[in-house]
Amino acid sequence: MTAALEAHAATLAGGETPAARDLAETLRTLAASGASEEDKLSAALAVVGRFAGACATCPDAAADHGQPVAPPAGCHEHPSHEAHEATVSHEGHEGHEEEPDSSFLRDLRDLRGESLRDPDGESPGGDRPALAADDLTVLQGDAEMAELFIGEALDHLGTIESKLLALEERPGDNGLLNDIFRPFHTIKGNAGALGLLGVQAVAHTVETLLDLARSGRYRIGRTEVDLVLRAVDVLTLMINDIGRRLEGAPPAALGDAAASLVESVKRTIDGGEENEWGLLQQASTAGGP
């Protein structure tokens, strides 16, 4: 990862725009930092996705605000968190100008896991083809980034599967729930940063279920474990398919499987919340005069 960042920095250093040269310095700083390889990768993915989203939303504005036009090898930039939020929220902040953050490392933790798009806001509910219609524009421009993303995501899914087997024996173990939640969170954030909306939507939905469980608001049972295992299978297929598509193969028909899984998880969450509310009502009635 360090070598890749240094290589990109060297390429951008000869850019004609001040923003490209500024980005080169940022990448050098990240490469030389003491952050782990995973943190460097997550931060780099977030940077790529944020600038790609800014380019897609308003390329002229991105150029006017001192951010570089995407180089042929891929889009790279480091807008501040505030500028990113102003770009994607569409809540009356259009035209809001923010200078790029001068200290990328200061925001490293904030960048990690941030999504380019909000799955609840951007992914059409019930639209199965759209759910798996990942945009490979960013990854097509950076083969090394694609390889890193796919390899890390598959490693995370392997970790999740092994932890789930232990969770079946200890369903109330918060440590295990955290160990399963974190990889889903990382996959979601990295996929969102790269515009892989199908992968992001699946990971986000399962992450929501796990977050409820680890906070004590939902009890994990056999049904939920089976759903998460199913999510591992679906995400594995989707991520492997990304690699094949980048090599020129046609996309696999995974939209129905992904959308069906998301719907199943949401129904399970809704059912659990309804059951919990019913139990609270019963307890309240039983405790009455």
Protein backbone atom coordinates (compact mmCIF):
# COMPACT_ATOMS: atom_id res chain seq x y z
CA MET A 1 0.00 0.00 0.00
CA THR A 2 2.82 2.40 0.87
CA ALA A 3 4.54 1.77 -2.47
CA ALA A 4 1.26 2.30 -4.35
CA LEU A 5 0.63 5.63 -2.62
CA GLU A 6 4.17 6.78 -3.34
CA ALA A 7 3.81 5.79 -7.00
CA HIS A 8 0.56 7.75 -7.35
CA ALA A 9 2.16 10.73 -5.60
CA ALA A 10 5.08 10.67 -8.04
CA THR A 11 2.69 10.62 -11.00
CA LEU A 12 0.57 13.49 -9.69
CA ALA A 13 3.56 15.60 -8.66
CA GLY A 14 4.13 16.54 -12.28
CA GLY A 15 0.55 17.71 -12.73
CA GLU A 16 -0.19 21.11 -14.21
CA THR A 17 -2.68 22.19 -11.53
CA PRO A 18 -1.78 23.25 -7.98
CA ALA A 19 -4.46 20.88 -6.69
CA ALA A 20 -2.78 17.88 -8.33
CA ARG A 21 0.53 18.80 -6.74
CA ASP A 22 -1.19 19.33 -3.39
CA LEU A 23 -2.76 15.88 -3.67
CA ALA A 24 0.65 14.39 -4.44
CA GLU A 25 1.98 15.84 -1.19
CA THR A 26 -1.04 14.45 0.69
CA LEU A 27 -0.39 10.97 -0.66
CA ARG A 28 3.26 11.19 0.31
CA THR A 29 2.23 12.19 3.84
CA LEU A 30 -0.15 9.25 4.07
CA ALA A 31 2.49 6.84 2.73
CA ALA A 32 5.00 8.03 5.32
CA SER A 33 2.54 7.93 8.21
CA GLY A 34 2.61 5.33 10.93
CA ALA A 35 -0.92 4.17 10.11
CA SER A 36 -1.54 0.48 9.51
CA GLU A 37 -1.82 -0.85 5.98
CA GLU A 38 -5.55 -1.36 6.53
CA ASP A 39 -6.01 2.25 7.67
CA LYS A 40 -4.01 3.53 4.72
CA LEU A 41 -6.11 1.47 2.32
CA SER A 42 -9.40 2.54 3.88
CA ALA A 43 -8.39 6.19 3.82
CA ALA A 44 -7.16 6.00 0.23
CA LEU A 45 -10.37 4.30 -0.89
CA ALA A 46 -12.42 7.00 0.80
CA VAL A 47 -10.41 9.75 -0.87
CA VAL A 48 -10.81 8.18 -4.31
CA GLY A 49 -14.53 7.71 -3.87
CA ARG A 50 -15.14 11.18 -2.51
CA PHE A 51 -13.45 12.89 -5.40
CA ALA A 52 -15.10 10.56 -7.92
CA GLY A 53 -18.46 11.50 -6.43
CA ALA A 54 -17.61 15.20 -6.59
CA CYS A 55 -16.57 14.84 -10.24
CA ALA A 56 -19.77 12.99 -11.10
CA THR A 57 -21.98 15.48 -9.25
CA CYS A 58 -20.42 18.71 -10.48
CA PRO A 59 -17.05 18.45 -12.27
CA ASP A 60 -16.91 22.15 -13.13
CA ALA A 61 -17.51 23.13 -9.52
CA ALA A 62 -14.82 20.70 -8.39
CA ALA A 63 -12.33 22.37 -10.70
CA ASP A 64 -13.41 25.86 -9.58
CA HIS A 65 -12.92 24.94 -5.95
CA GLY A 66 -9.30 24.05 -6.46
CA GLN A 67 -9.78 20.29 -6.69
CA PRO A 68 -7.98 18.48 -9.53
CA VAL A 69 -9.71 17.23 -12.62
CA ALA A 70 -9.51 13.43 -12.58
CA PRO A 71 -6.20 12.22 -14.10
CA PRO A 72 -6.31 9.39 -16.66
CA ALA A 73 -5.22 6.81 -14.10
CA GLY A 74 -8.18 7.54 -11.79
CA CYS A 75 -9.71 10.23 -9.62
CA HIS A 76 -7.87 11.25 -6.45
CA GLU A 77 -8.53 14.09 -4.06
CA HIS A 78 -9.07 14.88 -0.41
CA PRO A 79 -11.99 17.24 0.13
CA SER A 80 -12.77 17.93 3.76
CA HIS A 81 -15.55 16.06 5.50
CA GLU A 82 -17.65 19.23 5.50
CA ALA A 83 -17.18 19.78 1.76
CA HIS A 84 -18.12 16.17 1.08
CA GLU A 85 -21.28 16.44 3.13
CA ALA A 86 -22.22 19.66 1.33
CA THR A 87 -21.75 17.92 -2.03
CA VAL A 88 -23.85 14.82 -1.39
CA SER A 89 -26.53 15.92 1.06
CA HIS A 90 -28.56 18.05 -1.43
CA GLU A 91 -30.27 19.66 1.54
CA GLY A 92 -30.03 23.28 0.52
CA HIS A 93 -26.25 23.50 0.64
CA GLU A 94 -25.54 23.60 -3.10
CA GLY A 95 -22.88 26.15 -3.89
CA HIS A 96 -21.34 25.95 -0.43
CA GLU A 97 -17.58 26.28 -0.85
CA GLU A 98 -15.05 24.52 1.34
CA GLU A 99 -11.31 24.50 0.97
CA PRO A 100 -9.67 21.04 0.99
CA ASP A 101 -8.47 20.08 4.45
CA SER A 102 -4.79 20.90 4.87
CA SER A 103 -4.17 17.93 7.16
CA PHE A 104 -5.32 14.63 5.73
CA LEU A 105 -3.92 12.56 8.58
CA ARG A 106 -5.90 14.53 11.14
CA ASP A 107 -9.09 13.27 9.48
CA LEU A 108 -7.88 9.71 8.90
CA ARG A 109 -10.31 8.19 11.37
CA ASP A 110 -13.20 10.26 10.06
CA LEU A 111 -12.45 9.21 6.50
CA ARG A 112 -12.39 5.54 7.35
CA GLY A 113 -15.72 3.86 6.65
CA GLU A 114 -17.36 6.99 5.27
CA SER A 115 -19.68 6.31 2.34
CA LEU A 116 -19.81 8.27 -0.88
CA ARG A 117 -23.56 7.82 -0.90
CA ASP A 118 -26.10 6.98 1.78
CA PRO A 119 -27.60 3.59 0.89
CA ASP A 120 -30.96 4.62 2.34
CA GLY A 121 -30.96 7.80 0.29
CA GLU A 122 -29.51 6.64 -3.01
CA SER A 123 -30.43 2.99 -3.46
CA PRO A 124 -34.00 2.69 -4.74
CA GLY A 125 -36.02 0.46 -2.44
CA GLY A 126 -37.25 -2.66 -4.17
CA ASP A 127 -35.38 -1.87 -7.40
CA ARG A 128 -33.53 -5.14 -7.82
CA PRO A 129 -31.52 -4.39 -10.97
CA ALA A 130 -30.32 -1.08 -9.51
CA LEU A 131 -29.24 -2.72 -6.26
CA ALA A 132 -26.52 -4.73 -7.99
CA ALA A 133 -25.70 -2.19 -10.70
CA ASP A 134 -22.27 -1.29 -9.33
CA ASP A 135 -20.38 1.51 -11.03
CA LEU A 136 -16.87 0.30 -11.80
CA THR A 137 -15.63 3.66 -13.10
CA VAL A 138 -13.21 4.24 -10.23
CA LEU A 139 -11.84 0.70 -10.13
CA GLN A 140 -11.40 0.55 -13.90
CA GLY A 141 -9.01 3.47 -13.58
CA ASP A 142 -6.87 1.81 -10.91
CA ALA A 143 -6.17 -1.92 -11.22
CA GLU A 144 -4.06 -2.00 -8.06
CA MET A 145 -6.81 -0.36 -6.01
CA ALA A 146 -9.29 -2.90 -7.39
CA GLU A 147 -7.04 -5.79 -6.40
CA LEU A 148 -6.57 -4.37 -2.91
CA PHE A 149 -10.29 -3.80 -2.39
CA ILE A 150 -11.29 -7.28 -3.60
CA GLY A 151 -8.56 -9.02 -1.59
CA GLU A 152 -9.34 -7.15 1.62
CA ALA A 153 -13.10 -7.62 1.26
CA LEU A 154 -12.76 -11.38 0.73
CA ASP A 155 -10.45 -11.61 3.75
CA HIS A 156 -13.04 -9.79 5.86
CA LEU A 157 -15.79 -12.14 4.68
CA GLY A 158 -13.67 -15.14 5.66
CA THR A 159 -13.20 -13.65 9.13
CA ILE A 160 -16.94 -13.01 9.46
CA GLU A 161 -17.78 -16.60 8.55
CA SER A 162 -15.43 -18.06 11.17
CA LYS A 163 -16.76 -15.71 13.86
CA LEU A 164 -20.36 -16.60 12.98
CA LEU A 165 -19.69 -20.26 13.71
CA ALA A 166 -18.55 -19.25 17.20
CA LEU A 167 -21.54 -16.92 17.59
CA GLU A 168 -23.90 -19.85 17.06
CA GLU A 169 -22.52 -21.32 20.29
CA ARG A 170 -22.44 -17.99 22.15
CA PRO A 171 -25.21 -15.79 20.66
CA GLY A 172 -24.98 -13.19 23.41
CA ASP A 173 -21.21 -12.68 23.16
CA ASN A 174 -20.74 -8.95 22.53
CA GLY A 175 -17.09 -9.40 21.65
CA LEU A 176 -18.01 -11.73 18.81
CA LEU A 177 -20.75 -9.38 17.65
CA ASN A 178 -18.22 -6.54 17.49
CA ASP A 179 -15.78 -8.77 15.62
CA ILE A 180 -18.48 -9.47 13.01
CA PHE A 181 -19.80 -5.90 12.87
CA ARG A 182 -16.44 -4.24 12.17
CA PRO A 183 -15.62 -6.11 8.92
CA PHE A 184 -19.11 -5.40 7.57
CA HIS A 185 -18.61 -1.74 8.44
CA THR A 186 -15.27 -1.66 6.63
CA ILE A 187 -16.66 -3.40 3.53
CA LYS A 188 -19.60 -1.00 3.47
CA GLY A 189 -17.40 2.06 3.79
CA ASN A 190 -14.86 0.98 1.20
CA ALA A 191 -17.54 -0.12 -1.26
CA GLY A 192 -19.37 3.18 -0.83
CA ALA A 193 -16.16 5.13 -1.34
CA LEU A 194 -15.65 3.35 -4.65
CA GLY A 195 -19.25 3.71 -5.79
CA LEU A 196 -20.01 -0.03 -5.53
CA LEU A 197 -23.59 0.57 -4.48
CA GLY A 198 -24.81 -3.02 -4.58
CA VAL A 199 -22.08 -4.26 -2.22
CA GLN A 200 -22.57 -1.18 -0.05
CA ALA A 201 -26.33 -1.70 0.27
CA VAL A 202 -26.04 -5.35 1.30
CA ALA A 203 -23.27 -4.69 3.83
CA HIS A 204 -25.10 -1.65 5.23
CA THR A 205 -28.32 -3.58 5.85
CA VAL A 206 -26.57 -6.44 7.66
CA GLU A 207 -24.44 -3.95 9.59
CA THR A 208 -27.66 -2.34 10.87
CA LEU A 209 -28.90 -5.68 12.22
CA LEU A 210 -25.58 -6.36 13.92
CA ASP A 211 -25.46 -2.86 15.42
CA LEU A 212 -28.88 -3.39 16.99
CA ALA A 213 -27.69 -6.71 18.41
CA ARG A 214 -24.45 -5.43 19.87
CA SER A 215 -26.25 -2.49 21.50
CA GLY A 216 -28.66 -4.91 23.19
CA ARG A 217 -31.72 -3.82 21.19
CA TYR A 218 -32.03 -7.05 19.25
CA ARG A 219 -31.44 -10.66 20.19
CA ILE A 220 -29.48 -12.77 17.71
CA GLY A 221 -30.79 -16.28 17.11
CA ARG A 222 -30.44 -19.03 14.55
CA THR A 223 -32.50 -17.11 11.96
CA GLU A 224 -30.25 -14.07 12.18
CA VAL A 225 -27.05 -16.13 12.02
CA ASP A 226 -28.37 -17.85 8.89
CA LEU A 227 -29.15 -14.46 7.34
CA VAL A 228 -25.66 -13.15 8.01
CA LEU A 229 -24.14 -16.34 6.56
CA ARG A 230 -26.34 -15.83 3.52
CA ALA A 231 -25.04 -12.26 3.29
CA VAL A 232 -21.47 -13.56 3.33
CA ASP A 233 -22.31 -15.86 0.41
CA VAL A 234 -24.02 -13.11 -1.59
CA LEU A 235 -21.25 -10.57 -0.97
CA THR A 236 -18.61 -13.13 -1.91
CA LEU A 237 -20.37 -13.70 -5.23
CA MET A 238 -20.76 -9.96 -5.83
CA ILE A 239 -17.14 -9.13 -5.04
CA ASN A 240 -15.76 -11.99 -7.12
CA ASP A 241 -18.03 -10.81 -9.93
CA ILE A 242 -16.45 -7.35 -9.74
CA GLY A 243 -13.07 -8.91 -10.48
CA ARG A 244 -14.46 -10.83 -13.44
CA ARG A 245 -16.23 -7.76 -14.82
CA LEU A 246 -13.03 -5.74 -14.62
CA GLU A 247 -11.46 -8.40 -16.84
CA GLY A 248 -14.21 -7.91 -19.41
CA ALA A 249 -16.74 -10.58 -18.45
CA PRO A 250 -20.47 -9.72 -18.46
CA PRO A 251 -22.06 -9.14 -15.04
CA ALA A 252 -23.61 -12.10 -13.24
CA ALA A 253 -27.35 -11.98 -12.51
CA LEU A 254 -27.04 -11.24 -8.78
CA GLY A 255 -29.57 -8.43 -8.45
CA ASP A 256 -32.45 -10.63 -7.29
CA ALA A 257 -30.30 -12.48 -4.75
CA ALA A 258 -28.95 -9.23 -3.30
CA ALA A 259 -32.33 -7.48 -3.14
CA SER A 260 -34.03 -10.55 -1.66
CA LEU A 261 -31.41 -10.72 1.08
CA VAL A 262 -31.78 -7.01 1.90
CA GLU A 263 -35.56 -7.39 2.09
CA SER A 264 -35.24 -10.45 4.35
CA VAL A 265 -32.92 -8.66 6.76
CA LYS A 266 -35.18 -5.60 6.89
CA ARG A 267 -38.24 -7.77 7.57
CA THR A 268 -36.34 -9.55 10.33
CA ILE A 269 -35.33 -6.25 11.92
CA ASP A 270 -38.88 -4.88 11.67
CA GLY A 271 -40.32 -8.07 13.14
CA GLY A 272 -37.88 -7.98 16.03
CA GLU A 273 -38.73 -4.37 16.79
CA GLU A 274 -42.46 -5.13 16.68
CA ASN A 275 -42.03 -8.11 19.00
CA GLU A 276 -39.98 -6.02 21.42
CA TRP A 277 -42.66 -3.29 21.42
CA GLY A 278 -45.34 -5.91 22.05
CA LEU A 279 -43.42 -7.30 25.02
CA LEU A 280 -42.99 -3.79 26.43
CA GLN A 281 -46.72 -3.16 26.10
CA GLN A 282 -47.52 -6.45 27.84
CA ALA A 283 -45.11 -5.61 30.66
CA SER A 284 -46.65 -2.16 31.02
CA THR A 285 -50.17 -3.63 31.18
CA ALA A 286 -49.13 -6.28 33.67
CA GLY A 287 -47.59 -3.67 35.91
CA GLY A 288 -50.70 -1.46 35.87
CA PRO A 289 -53.30 -1.09 38.64
